[in-house]
Amino acid sequence: MAIAGAPGEVFIEAISNDEVIHLRREETGEVGLRMPEGPGFGFRPVPISTTTPAAFGWIGNPQLILRVPSVAAVDLPVFAPPLRHHAAIQGGTNVNVVEVLAPGEARIRSWERGVEGETLCCGTGCAVAAAWLAQTDGRSSWRLHTAGGETVTVELALDQDGSWRNLWLSGPIRRLGIVQPDPSLLLRLRR
């Protein structure tokens, strides 16, 4: 693990399962996470027909992004499951609806696979949504207002082929609780 940074920032680089994870903690109380990039990550053809503008991306998990006039008007429990489980998307996908509020600012709601419901914030969904919005309007920085009422920031660079580089997702952090694992679990991990 390496720690470095300019005044006000700390960069942490850790390696987990041969994957480098980049974190950035800022004095503002926010944490940034550099999202995966390179071969295999990025946009793919949208595998289904949609009635609204859409994008499909892979960021370690599949993300279907749909631009709608109002995220509040979408009945996500009815709208998302048929898309999440669509036969054309093997293994399913996260479904994200996004509404552009102003240049560089949008609202997002996400239906996550595995959870099988709406979540307060899907970080990978926010990252792919902002990358698509950047691709469609040229802005490399987006503020996304989540269903949980928090705002996350996504900054990136786009290559001419539409792939992303230096895709950073930043947002507020808060402690939700402290977990004390059962001691028997620790004994198993040490063996």
N, C-alpha and C. Protein backbone atom coordinates (compact mmCIF):
# COMPACT_ATOMS: atom_id res chain seq x y z
N MET A 1 0.86 -1.16 0.00
CA MET A 1 0.00 0.00 0.00
C MET A 1 0.90 1.23 0.00
N ALA A 2 0.55 2.21 -0.81
CA ALA A 2 1.31 3.45 -0.87
C ALA A 2 0.40 4.61 -0.51
N ILE A 3 0.94 5.57 0.23
CA ILE A 3 0.17 6.76 0.59
C ILE A 3 0.99 7.97 0.16
N ALA A 4 0.38 8.88 -0.57
CA ALA A 4 1.04 10.09 -1.01
C ALA A 4 -0.02 11.14 -1.24
N GLY A 5 0.40 12.38 -1.49
CA GLY A 5 -0.59 13.39 -1.82
C GLY A 5 -0.11 14.79 -1.56
N ALA A 6 -0.80 15.72 -2.15
CA ALA A 6 -0.55 17.14 -1.95
C ALA A 6 -1.24 17.57 -0.68
N PRO A 7 -0.91 18.75 -0.16
CA PRO A 7 -1.62 19.22 1.03
C PRO A 7 -3.13 19.19 0.79
N GLY A 8 -3.85 18.62 1.75
CA GLY A 8 -5.29 18.54 1.64
C GLY A 8 -5.80 17.27 0.99
N GLU A 9 -4.89 16.47 0.42
CA GLU A 9 -5.32 15.23 -0.20
C GLU A 9 -4.41 14.10 0.23
N VAL A 10 -4.96 12.94 0.37
CA VAL A 10 -4.19 11.74 0.63
C VAL A 10 -4.59 10.73 -0.43
N PHE A 11 -3.61 10.19 -1.13
CA PHE A 11 -3.89 9.16 -2.12
C PHE A 11 -3.45 7.84 -1.54
N ILE A 12 -4.28 6.84 -1.67
CA ILE A 12 -3.96 5.51 -1.18
C ILE A 12 -4.07 4.56 -2.35
N GLU A 13 -3.06 3.75 -2.53
CA GLU A 13 -3.10 2.75 -3.59
C GLU A 13 -2.94 1.40 -2.93
N ALA A 14 -3.87 0.52 -3.13
CA ALA A 14 -3.83 -0.81 -2.54
C ALA A 14 -4.02 -1.83 -3.65
N ILE A 15 -3.47 -2.99 -3.45
CA ILE A 15 -3.64 -4.06 -4.42
C ILE A 15 -4.44 -5.17 -3.77
N SER A 16 -5.53 -5.57 -4.43
CA SER A 16 -6.41 -6.61 -3.93
C SER A 16 -6.74 -7.54 -5.08
N ASN A 17 -6.42 -8.81 -4.92
CA ASN A 17 -6.68 -9.80 -5.98
C ASN A 17 -6.12 -9.34 -7.32
N ASP A 18 -4.89 -8.86 -7.32
CA ASP A 18 -4.19 -8.39 -8.52
C ASP A 18 -4.84 -7.18 -9.17
N GLU A 19 -5.75 -6.52 -8.48
CA GLU A 19 -6.40 -5.32 -9.01
C GLU A 19 -5.96 -4.14 -8.15
N VAL A 20 -5.50 -3.08 -8.80
CA VAL A 20 -5.07 -1.89 -8.08
C VAL A 20 -6.30 -1.04 -7.78
N ILE A 21 -6.44 -0.65 -6.53
CA ILE A 21 -7.56 0.18 -6.10
C ILE A 21 -7.00 1.54 -5.68
N HIS A 22 -7.49 2.59 -6.26
CA HIS A 22 -7.03 3.94 -5.95
C HIS A 22 -8.12 4.66 -5.16
N LEU A 23 -7.75 5.20 -4.02
CA LEU A 23 -8.66 5.99 -3.19
C LEU A 23 -8.06 7.37 -2.99
N ARG A 24 -8.91 8.36 -2.85
CA ARG A 24 -8.45 9.72 -2.58
C ARG A 24 -9.35 10.27 -1.49
N ARG A 25 -8.76 10.70 -0.38
CA ARG A 25 -9.54 11.34 0.67
C ARG A 25 -9.21 12.82 0.67
N GLU A 26 -10.23 13.63 0.67
CA GLU A 26 -10.05 15.07 0.61
C GLU A 26 -10.43 15.69 1.94
N GLU A 27 -9.90 16.87 2.21
CA GLU A 27 -10.20 17.57 3.46
C GLU A 27 -11.68 17.88 3.62
N THR A 28 -12.41 17.87 2.54
CA THR A 28 -13.83 18.20 2.58
C THR A 28 -14.66 17.10 3.23
N GLY A 29 -14.02 16.00 3.61
CA GLY A 29 -14.76 14.89 4.20
C GLY A 29 -15.29 13.93 3.17
N GLU A 30 -14.87 14.10 1.92
CA GLU A 30 -15.30 13.20 0.86
C GLU A 30 -14.18 12.22 0.54
N VAL A 31 -14.58 11.13 -0.07
CA VAL A 31 -13.62 10.12 -0.53
C VAL A 31 -13.84 9.94 -2.02
N GLY A 32 -12.75 9.81 -2.75
CA GLY A 32 -12.82 9.53 -4.17
C GLY A 32 -12.32 8.13 -4.44
N LEU A 33 -12.92 7.47 -5.40
CA LEU A 33 -12.53 6.14 -5.80
C LEU A 33 -12.31 6.16 -7.30
N ARG A 34 -11.12 5.74 -7.71
CA ARG A 34 -10.85 5.66 -9.15
C ARG A 34 -11.43 4.36 -9.67
N MET A 35 -12.32 4.48 -10.63
CA MET A 35 -13.06 3.33 -11.15
C MET A 35 -12.22 2.58 -12.18
N PRO A 36 -12.55 1.30 -12.42
CA PRO A 36 -11.78 0.49 -13.37
C PRO A 36 -11.83 1.05 -14.78
N GLU A 37 -10.75 0.82 -15.51
CA GLU A 37 -10.66 1.27 -16.90
C GLU A 37 -9.76 0.30 -17.66
N GLY A 38 -9.70 0.47 -18.96
CA GLY A 38 -8.85 -0.37 -19.78
C GLY A 38 -9.65 -1.39 -20.57
N PRO A 39 -8.96 -2.35 -21.16
CA PRO A 39 -9.63 -3.35 -21.99
C PRO A 39 -10.75 -4.06 -21.21
N GLY A 40 -11.90 -4.16 -21.83
CA GLY A 40 -13.04 -4.82 -21.21
C GLY A 40 -13.97 -3.88 -20.46
N PHE A 41 -13.47 -2.71 -20.10
CA PHE A 41 -14.31 -1.73 -19.40
C PHE A 41 -14.74 -0.65 -20.38
N GLY A 42 -15.95 -0.17 -20.24
CA GLY A 42 -16.42 0.91 -21.10
C GLY A 42 -17.78 0.61 -21.67
N PHE A 43 -18.11 1.34 -22.73
CA PHE A 43 -19.43 1.24 -23.33
C PHE A 43 -19.50 0.10 -24.33
N ARG A 44 -20.68 -0.48 -24.40
CA ARG A 44 -20.97 -1.55 -25.34
C ARG A 44 -22.29 -1.20 -26.03
N PRO A 45 -22.58 -1.83 -27.14
CA PRO A 45 -23.88 -1.56 -27.77
C PRO A 45 -25.03 -1.89 -26.81
N VAL A 46 -26.05 -1.05 -26.82
CA VAL A 46 -27.22 -1.29 -25.98
C VAL A 46 -27.90 -2.56 -26.52
N PRO A 47 -28.02 -3.60 -25.70
CA PRO A 47 -28.51 -4.89 -26.20
C PRO A 47 -30.03 -5.00 -26.37
N ILE A 48 -30.76 -3.96 -26.00
CA ILE A 48 -32.22 -4.01 -26.10
C ILE A 48 -32.73 -2.71 -26.69
N SER A 49 -33.94 -2.76 -27.21
CA SER A 49 -34.57 -1.57 -27.75
C SER A 49 -35.22 -0.80 -26.59
N THR A 50 -35.03 0.52 -26.57
CA THR A 50 -35.62 1.35 -25.52
C THR A 50 -36.36 2.52 -26.16
N THR A 51 -37.29 3.07 -25.42
CA THR A 51 -38.06 4.22 -25.92
C THR A 51 -37.40 5.54 -25.56
N THR A 52 -36.35 5.50 -24.75
CA THR A 52 -35.62 6.71 -24.35
C THR A 52 -34.15 6.53 -24.71
N PRO A 53 -33.38 7.62 -24.81
CA PRO A 53 -31.96 7.47 -25.06
C PRO A 53 -31.33 6.59 -23.98
N ALA A 54 -30.42 5.70 -24.38
CA ALA A 54 -29.86 4.74 -23.44
C ALA A 54 -28.41 4.44 -23.76
N ALA A 55 -27.73 3.94 -22.75
CA ALA A 55 -26.35 3.48 -22.89
C ALA A 55 -26.20 2.21 -22.07
N PHE A 56 -25.21 1.41 -22.42
CA PHE A 56 -24.91 0.18 -21.70
C PHE A 56 -23.41 0.14 -21.50
N GLY A 57 -22.99 -0.03 -20.25
CA GLY A 57 -21.55 -0.05 -19.97
C GLY A 57 -21.18 -1.14 -19.00
N TRP A 58 -19.91 -1.51 -19.06
CA TRP A 58 -19.35 -2.50 -18.15
C TRP A 58 -18.26 -1.81 -17.33
N ILE A 59 -18.41 -1.87 -15.99
CA ILE A 59 -17.45 -1.24 -15.08
C ILE A 59 -17.10 -2.22 -13.96
N GLY A 60 -17.12 -3.51 -14.33
CA GLY A 60 -16.96 -4.57 -13.35
C GLY A 60 -18.30 -5.23 -13.10
N ASN A 61 -19.36 -4.53 -13.43
CA ASN A 61 -20.73 -5.03 -13.45
C ASN A 61 -21.48 -4.28 -14.55
N PRO A 62 -22.56 -4.86 -15.06
CA PRO A 62 -23.27 -4.23 -16.17
C PRO A 62 -24.19 -3.10 -15.69
N GLN A 63 -24.23 -2.04 -16.48
CA GLN A 63 -25.04 -0.87 -16.16
C GLN A 63 -25.84 -0.45 -17.39
N LEU A 64 -27.16 -0.44 -17.26
CA LEU A 64 -28.03 0.11 -18.29
C LEU A 64 -28.46 1.49 -17.79
N ILE A 65 -28.20 2.50 -18.59
CA ILE A 65 -28.52 3.88 -18.23
C ILE A 65 -29.58 4.38 -19.21
N LEU A 66 -30.65 4.96 -18.68
CA LEU A 66 -31.73 5.50 -19.51
C LEU A 66 -31.98 6.95 -19.12
N ARG A 67 -31.97 7.82 -20.11
CA ARG A 67 -32.24 9.24 -19.86
C ARG A 67 -33.75 9.47 -19.95
N VAL A 68 -34.30 10.04 -18.88
CA VAL A 68 -35.74 10.27 -18.79
C VAL A 68 -36.00 11.74 -18.48
N PRO A 69 -37.20 12.25 -18.77
CA PRO A 69 -37.51 13.65 -18.47
C PRO A 69 -37.55 13.92 -16.96
N SER A 70 -37.99 12.93 -16.17
CA SER A 70 -38.10 13.11 -14.72
C SER A 70 -37.88 11.76 -14.02
N VAL A 71 -36.86 11.65 -13.19
CA VAL A 71 -36.64 10.39 -12.47
C VAL A 71 -37.74 10.17 -11.44
N ALA A 72 -38.31 11.25 -10.90
CA ALA A 72 -39.37 11.12 -9.91
C ALA A 72 -40.63 10.51 -10.52
N ALA A 73 -40.84 10.72 -11.81
CA ALA A 73 -42.05 10.22 -12.47
C ALA A 73 -41.95 8.75 -12.84
N VAL A 74 -40.76 8.16 -12.73
CA VAL A 74 -40.57 6.76 -13.10
C VAL A 74 -40.98 5.87 -11.92
N ASP A 75 -41.89 4.94 -12.18
CA ASP A 75 -42.29 3.95 -11.19
C ASP A 75 -41.25 2.82 -11.26
N LEU A 76 -40.12 3.04 -10.59
CA LEU A 76 -38.97 2.14 -10.72
C LEU A 76 -39.29 0.68 -10.41
N PRO A 77 -40.09 0.36 -9.38
CA PRO A 77 -40.41 -1.06 -9.12
C PRO A 77 -41.17 -1.74 -10.26
N VAL A 78 -41.83 -0.98 -11.10
CA VAL A 78 -42.52 -1.54 -12.26
C VAL A 78 -41.64 -1.46 -13.49
N PHE A 79 -40.96 -0.35 -13.66
CA PHE A 79 -40.15 -0.07 -14.86
C PHE A 79 -38.89 -0.92 -14.93
N ALA A 80 -38.16 -1.05 -13.83
CA ALA A 80 -36.82 -1.64 -13.86
C ALA A 80 -36.76 -3.16 -13.98
N PRO A 81 -37.55 -3.94 -13.25
CA PRO A 81 -37.36 -5.40 -13.29
C PRO A 81 -37.38 -6.04 -14.68
N PRO A 82 -38.28 -5.65 -15.60
CA PRO A 82 -38.22 -6.28 -16.93
C PRO A 82 -36.90 -5.99 -17.65
N LEU A 83 -36.34 -4.82 -17.43
CA LEU A 83 -35.05 -4.48 -18.04
C LEU A 83 -33.91 -5.20 -17.31
N ARG A 84 -33.97 -5.23 -16.00
CA ARG A 84 -32.94 -5.88 -15.18
C ARG A 84 -32.80 -7.35 -15.55
N HIS A 85 -33.93 -8.01 -15.86
CA HIS A 85 -33.94 -9.45 -16.15
C HIS A 85 -34.10 -9.75 -17.65
N HIS A 86 -33.90 -8.78 -18.52
CA HIS A 86 -34.14 -8.97 -19.95
C HIS A 86 -33.27 -10.12 -20.49
N ALA A 87 -33.88 -10.97 -21.31
CA ALA A 87 -33.19 -12.15 -21.85
C ALA A 87 -31.96 -11.79 -22.68
N ALA A 88 -31.92 -10.60 -23.26
CA ALA A 88 -30.79 -10.19 -24.09
C ALA A 88 -29.56 -9.82 -23.26
N ILE A 89 -29.72 -9.74 -21.95
CA ILE A 89 -28.60 -9.35 -21.08
C ILE A 89 -28.32 -10.51 -20.13
N GLN A 90 -27.42 -11.38 -20.54
CA GLN A 90 -27.11 -12.56 -19.74
C GLN A 90 -26.64 -12.15 -18.35
N GLY A 91 -27.25 -12.70 -17.33
CA GLY A 91 -26.90 -12.38 -15.95
C GLY A 91 -27.59 -11.13 -15.41
N GLY A 92 -28.29 -10.42 -16.28
CA GLY A 92 -29.00 -9.22 -15.85
C GLY A 92 -28.12 -8.00 -15.77
N THR A 93 -28.71 -6.90 -15.36
CA THR A 93 -27.99 -5.62 -15.32
C THR A 93 -28.57 -4.73 -14.23
N ASN A 94 -27.79 -3.79 -13.78
CA ASN A 94 -28.32 -2.70 -12.97
C ASN A 94 -29.05 -1.76 -13.93
N VAL A 95 -30.12 -1.15 -13.46
CA VAL A 95 -30.91 -0.24 -14.28
C VAL A 95 -30.87 1.13 -13.60
N ASN A 96 -30.43 2.14 -14.34
CA ASN A 96 -30.31 3.49 -13.80
C ASN A 96 -31.09 4.45 -14.68
N VAL A 97 -31.91 5.29 -14.07
CA VAL A 97 -32.59 6.35 -14.81
C VAL A 97 -31.95 7.67 -14.40
N VAL A 98 -31.71 8.51 -15.39
CA VAL A 98 -31.02 9.78 -15.15
C VAL A 98 -31.80 10.91 -15.81
N GLU A 99 -31.84 12.02 -15.10
CA GLU A 99 -32.52 13.23 -15.57
C GLU A 99 -31.52 14.37 -15.51
N VAL A 100 -31.26 15.01 -16.63
CA VAL A 100 -30.34 16.14 -16.65
C VAL A 100 -31.08 17.37 -16.13
N LEU A 101 -30.50 18.01 -15.11
CA LEU A 101 -31.11 19.19 -14.48
C LEU A 101 -30.55 20.49 -15.05
N ALA A 102 -29.25 20.49 -15.32
CA ALA A 102 -28.53 21.67 -15.81
C ALA A 102 -27.22 21.16 -16.40
N PRO A 103 -26.48 22.00 -17.11
CA PRO A 103 -25.19 21.54 -17.62
C PRO A 103 -24.31 21.01 -16.48
N GLY A 104 -23.89 19.76 -16.59
CA GLY A 104 -23.02 19.15 -15.59
C GLY A 104 -23.71 18.70 -14.32
N GLU A 105 -25.04 18.69 -14.31
CA GLU A 105 -25.78 18.31 -13.11
C GLU A 105 -26.98 17.45 -13.48
N ALA A 106 -27.14 16.33 -12.76
CA ALA A 106 -28.23 15.40 -13.07
C ALA A 106 -28.74 14.75 -11.79
N ARG A 107 -29.90 14.14 -11.90
CA ARG A 107 -30.49 13.34 -10.82
C ARG A 107 -30.50 11.90 -11.30
N ILE A 108 -30.27 10.95 -10.38
CA ILE A 108 -30.20 9.54 -10.76
C ILE A 108 -30.91 8.67 -9.73
N ARG A 109 -31.55 7.62 -10.22
CA ARG A 109 -32.12 6.56 -9.37
C ARG A 109 -31.65 5.23 -9.95
N SER A 110 -31.40 4.27 -9.06
CA SER A 110 -30.82 3.00 -9.50
C SER A 110 -31.56 1.81 -8.91
N TRP A 111 -31.73 0.81 -9.74
CA TRP A 111 -32.29 -0.49 -9.36
C TRP A 111 -31.15 -1.49 -9.51
N GLU A 112 -30.70 -2.06 -8.39
CA GLU A 112 -29.51 -2.90 -8.45
C GLU A 112 -29.83 -4.38 -8.41
N ARG A 113 -29.14 -5.11 -9.29
CA ARG A 113 -29.26 -6.56 -9.28
C ARG A 113 -28.60 -7.07 -8.00
N GLY A 114 -29.05 -8.18 -7.52
CA GLY A 114 -28.55 -8.68 -6.25
C GLY A 114 -29.36 -8.12 -5.10
N VAL A 115 -29.53 -6.82 -5.08
CA VAL A 115 -30.41 -6.18 -4.10
C VAL A 115 -31.85 -6.41 -4.52
N GLU A 116 -32.07 -6.37 -5.84
CA GLU A 116 -33.39 -6.52 -6.45
C GLU A 116 -34.34 -5.44 -5.97
N GLY A 117 -33.79 -4.25 -5.89
CA GLY A 117 -34.59 -3.11 -5.48
C GLY A 117 -33.84 -1.82 -5.72
N GLU A 118 -34.51 -0.73 -5.41
CA GLU A 118 -33.88 0.58 -5.54
C GLU A 118 -32.92 0.78 -4.37
N THR A 119 -31.76 1.34 -4.68
CA THR A 119 -30.78 1.65 -3.63
C THR A 119 -30.63 3.15 -3.52
N LEU A 120 -30.12 3.60 -2.40
CA LEU A 120 -29.95 5.04 -2.19
C LEU A 120 -28.90 5.63 -3.11
N CYS A 121 -27.87 4.84 -3.44
CA CYS A 121 -26.83 5.30 -4.36
C CYS A 121 -26.09 4.10 -4.91
N CYS A 122 -26.01 4.00 -6.21
CA CYS A 122 -25.22 2.97 -6.88
C CYS A 122 -24.00 3.66 -7.46
N GLY A 123 -22.85 3.46 -6.84
CA GLY A 123 -21.64 4.16 -7.28
C GLY A 123 -21.24 3.82 -8.70
N THR A 124 -21.28 2.54 -9.06
CA THR A 124 -20.90 2.17 -10.41
C THR A 124 -21.91 2.70 -11.42
N GLY A 125 -23.19 2.73 -11.04
CA GLY A 125 -24.21 3.32 -11.91
C GLY A 125 -23.97 4.80 -12.12
N CYS A 126 -23.64 5.51 -11.05
CA CYS A 126 -23.33 6.94 -11.16
C CYS A 126 -22.14 7.17 -12.09
N ALA A 127 -21.10 6.35 -11.94
CA ALA A 127 -19.90 6.51 -12.75
C ALA A 127 -20.20 6.32 -14.23
N VAL A 128 -20.90 5.24 -14.58
CA VAL A 128 -21.20 4.97 -15.99
C VAL A 128 -22.18 6.02 -16.53
N ALA A 129 -23.17 6.42 -15.74
CA ALA A 129 -24.12 7.45 -16.19
C ALA A 129 -23.38 8.75 -16.50
N ALA A 130 -22.49 9.16 -15.61
CA ALA A 130 -21.76 10.41 -15.84
C ALA A 130 -20.83 10.29 -17.04
N ALA A 131 -20.22 9.12 -17.23
CA ALA A 131 -19.35 8.93 -18.40
C ALA A 131 -20.16 9.05 -19.69
N TRP A 132 -21.37 8.49 -19.68
CA TRP A 132 -22.23 8.59 -20.87
C TRP A 132 -22.67 10.03 -21.09
N LEU A 133 -23.06 10.72 -20.01
CA LEU A 133 -23.44 12.13 -20.15
C LEU A 133 -22.26 12.96 -20.65
N ALA A 134 -21.06 12.64 -20.18
CA ALA A 134 -19.87 13.34 -20.66
C ALA A 134 -19.66 13.07 -22.15
N GLN A 135 -19.88 11.84 -22.54
CA GLN A 135 -19.73 11.47 -23.94
C GLN A 135 -20.75 12.19 -24.83
N THR A 136 -21.97 12.39 -24.32
CA THR A 136 -23.01 13.00 -25.14
C THR A 136 -22.95 14.53 -25.17
N ASP A 137 -22.38 15.13 -24.10
CA ASP A 137 -22.35 16.61 -24.13
C ASP A 137 -20.97 17.22 -23.94
N GLY A 138 -19.95 16.41 -23.73
CA GLY A 138 -18.59 16.92 -23.69
C GLY A 138 -18.11 17.42 -22.34
N ARG A 139 -18.95 17.45 -21.32
CA ARG A 139 -18.53 17.90 -19.99
C ARG A 139 -17.83 16.76 -19.26
N SER A 140 -16.66 17.02 -18.73
CA SER A 140 -15.88 15.96 -18.08
C SER A 140 -16.13 15.88 -16.57
N SER A 141 -17.02 16.69 -16.05
CA SER A 141 -17.34 16.66 -14.63
C SER A 141 -18.85 16.76 -14.46
N TRP A 142 -19.40 15.84 -13.64
CA TRP A 142 -20.85 15.81 -13.40
C TRP A 142 -21.13 15.68 -11.93
N ARG A 143 -22.14 16.39 -11.47
CA ARG A 143 -22.66 16.25 -10.10
C ARG A 143 -23.99 15.50 -10.22
N LEU A 144 -24.08 14.37 -9.51
CA LEU A 144 -25.29 13.55 -9.57
C LEU A 144 -25.96 13.53 -8.21
N HIS A 145 -27.24 13.85 -8.20
CA HIS A 145 -28.03 13.84 -6.97
C HIS A 145 -28.70 12.47 -6.89
N THR A 146 -28.44 11.75 -5.81
CA THR A 146 -28.88 10.37 -5.67
C THR A 146 -30.22 10.28 -4.95
N ALA A 147 -30.81 9.10 -4.99
CA ALA A 147 -32.08 8.85 -4.29
C ALA A 147 -31.92 9.02 -2.79
N GLY A 148 -30.71 8.85 -2.29
CA GLY A 148 -30.45 9.01 -0.86
C GLY A 148 -30.30 10.46 -0.44
N GLY A 149 -30.39 11.39 -1.40
CA GLY A 149 -30.31 12.81 -1.08
C GLY A 149 -28.89 13.35 -1.04
N GLU A 150 -27.93 12.53 -1.39
CA GLU A 150 -26.54 13.00 -1.40
C GLU A 150 -26.11 13.31 -2.83
N THR A 151 -25.05 14.07 -2.94
CA THR A 151 -24.52 14.43 -4.24
C THR A 151 -23.15 13.79 -4.40
N VAL A 152 -22.96 13.09 -5.51
CA VAL A 152 -21.66 12.54 -5.84
C VAL A 152 -21.13 13.27 -7.07
N THR A 153 -19.83 13.33 -7.16
CA THR A 153 -19.18 13.99 -8.29
C THR A 153 -18.41 12.95 -9.08
N VAL A 154 -18.51 13.03 -10.38
CA VAL A 154 -17.77 12.14 -11.26
C VAL A 154 -16.95 13.01 -12.20
N GLU A 155 -15.64 12.72 -12.26
CA GLU A 155 -14.73 13.42 -13.16
C GLU A 155 -14.01 12.37 -13.99
N LEU A 156 -13.78 12.68 -15.26
CA LEU A 156 -13.15 11.71 -16.14
C LEU A 156 -12.56 12.37 -17.36
N ALA A 157 -11.78 11.59 -18.09
CA ALA A 157 -11.30 11.97 -19.41
C ALA A 157 -11.85 10.94 -20.38
N LEU A 158 -12.30 11.40 -21.54
CA LEU A 158 -12.81 10.50 -22.57
C LEU A 158 -11.84 10.44 -23.72
N ASP A 159 -11.59 9.23 -24.22
CA ASP A 159 -10.78 9.05 -25.41
C ASP A 159 -11.67 9.20 -26.64
N GLN A 160 -11.05 9.36 -27.79
CA GLN A 160 -11.84 9.56 -29.01
C GLN A 160 -12.72 8.35 -29.33
N ASP A 161 -12.31 7.16 -28.88
CA ASP A 161 -13.13 5.97 -29.14
C ASP A 161 -14.28 5.84 -28.14
N GLY A 162 -14.40 6.80 -27.22
CA GLY A 162 -15.49 6.78 -26.25
C GLY A 162 -15.16 6.09 -24.94
N SER A 163 -13.99 5.49 -24.84
CA SER A 163 -13.62 4.85 -23.57
C SER A 163 -13.19 5.91 -22.57
N TRP A 164 -13.29 5.56 -21.29
CA TRP A 164 -12.95 6.52 -20.25
C TRP A 164 -11.58 6.24 -19.66
N ARG A 165 -10.99 7.31 -19.11
CA ARG A 165 -9.74 7.24 -18.36
C ARG A 165 -9.89 8.12 -17.12
N ASN A 166 -9.13 7.79 -16.10
CA ASN A 166 -9.13 8.61 -14.89
C ASN A 166 -10.55 8.95 -14.43
N LEU A 167 -11.36 7.92 -14.35
CA LEU A 167 -12.76 8.07 -13.93
C LEU A 167 -12.81 8.01 -12.41
N TRP A 168 -13.05 9.18 -11.79
CA TRP A 168 -13.10 9.29 -10.33
C TRP A 168 -14.52 9.55 -9.88
N LEU A 169 -14.95 8.78 -8.90
CA LEU A 169 -16.25 8.95 -8.25
C LEU A 169 -15.97 9.45 -6.85
N SER A 170 -16.51 10.60 -6.49
CA SER A 170 -16.27 11.19 -5.18
C SER A 170 -17.59 11.53 -4.51
N GLY A 171 -17.61 11.38 -3.19
CA GLY A 171 -18.81 11.73 -2.47
C GLY A 171 -18.60 11.71 -0.98
N PRO A 172 -19.62 12.09 -0.26
CA PRO A 172 -19.52 12.16 1.20
C PRO A 172 -19.43 10.76 1.81
N ILE A 173 -18.83 10.72 2.98
CA ILE A 173 -18.76 9.46 3.71
C ILE A 173 -19.36 9.66 5.09
N ARG A 174 -19.91 8.60 5.62
CA ARG A 174 -20.41 8.63 6.98
C ARG A 174 -20.39 7.21 7.53
N ARG A 175 -20.20 7.09 8.79
CA ARG A 175 -20.19 5.79 9.44
C ARG A 175 -21.62 5.36 9.69
N LEU A 176 -21.96 4.19 9.21
CA LEU A 176 -23.29 3.65 9.42
C LEU A 176 -23.34 2.76 10.64
N GLY A 177 -22.19 2.26 11.07
CA GLY A 177 -22.15 1.38 12.22
C GLY A 177 -20.80 0.71 12.33
N ILE A 178 -20.63 -0.05 13.36
CA ILE A 178 -19.41 -0.81 13.57
C ILE A 178 -19.81 -2.28 13.69
N VAL A 179 -19.11 -3.11 12.97
CA VAL A 179 -19.40 -4.54 12.98
C VAL A 179 -18.29 -5.26 13.73
N GLN A 180 -18.66 -6.08 14.65
CA GLN A 180 -17.72 -6.92 15.38
C GLN A 180 -17.94 -8.35 14.90
N PRO A 181 -17.00 -8.90 14.12
CA PRO A 181 -17.20 -10.26 13.63
C PRO A 181 -17.14 -11.26 14.78
N ASP A 182 -17.87 -12.33 14.62
CA ASP A 182 -17.84 -13.42 15.58
C ASP A 182 -16.40 -13.94 15.66
N PRO A 183 -15.85 -14.13 16.85
CA PRO A 183 -14.46 -14.60 16.99
C PRO A 183 -14.17 -15.89 16.22
N SER A 184 -15.15 -16.75 16.05
CA SER A 184 -14.91 -18.00 15.31
C SER A 184 -14.58 -17.73 13.84
N LEU A 185 -15.08 -16.62 13.31
CA LEU A 185 -14.75 -16.26 11.93
C LEU A 185 -13.28 -15.85 11.83
N LEU A 186 -12.77 -15.14 12.81
CA LEU A 186 -11.38 -14.71 12.79
C LEU A 186 -10.45 -15.91 12.85
N LEU A 187 -10.78 -16.92 13.61
CA LEU A 187 -9.94 -18.11 13.70
C LEU A 187 -9.87 -18.81 12.34
N ARG A 188 -10.97 -18.86 11.63
CA ARG A 188 -10.97 -19.49 10.31
C ARG A 188 -10.13 -18.71 9.32
N LEU A 189 -10.13 -17.39 9.41
CA LEU A 189 -9.36 -16.58 8.49
C LEU A 189 -7.85 -16.71 8.70
N ARG A 190 -7.43 -16.97 9.90
CA ARG A 190 -5.99 -17.07 10.21
C ARG A 190 -5.38 -18.38 9.74
N ARG A 191 -6.18 -19.38 9.52
CA ARG A 191 -5.64 -20.70 9.14
C ARG A 191 -5.14 -20.73 7.74
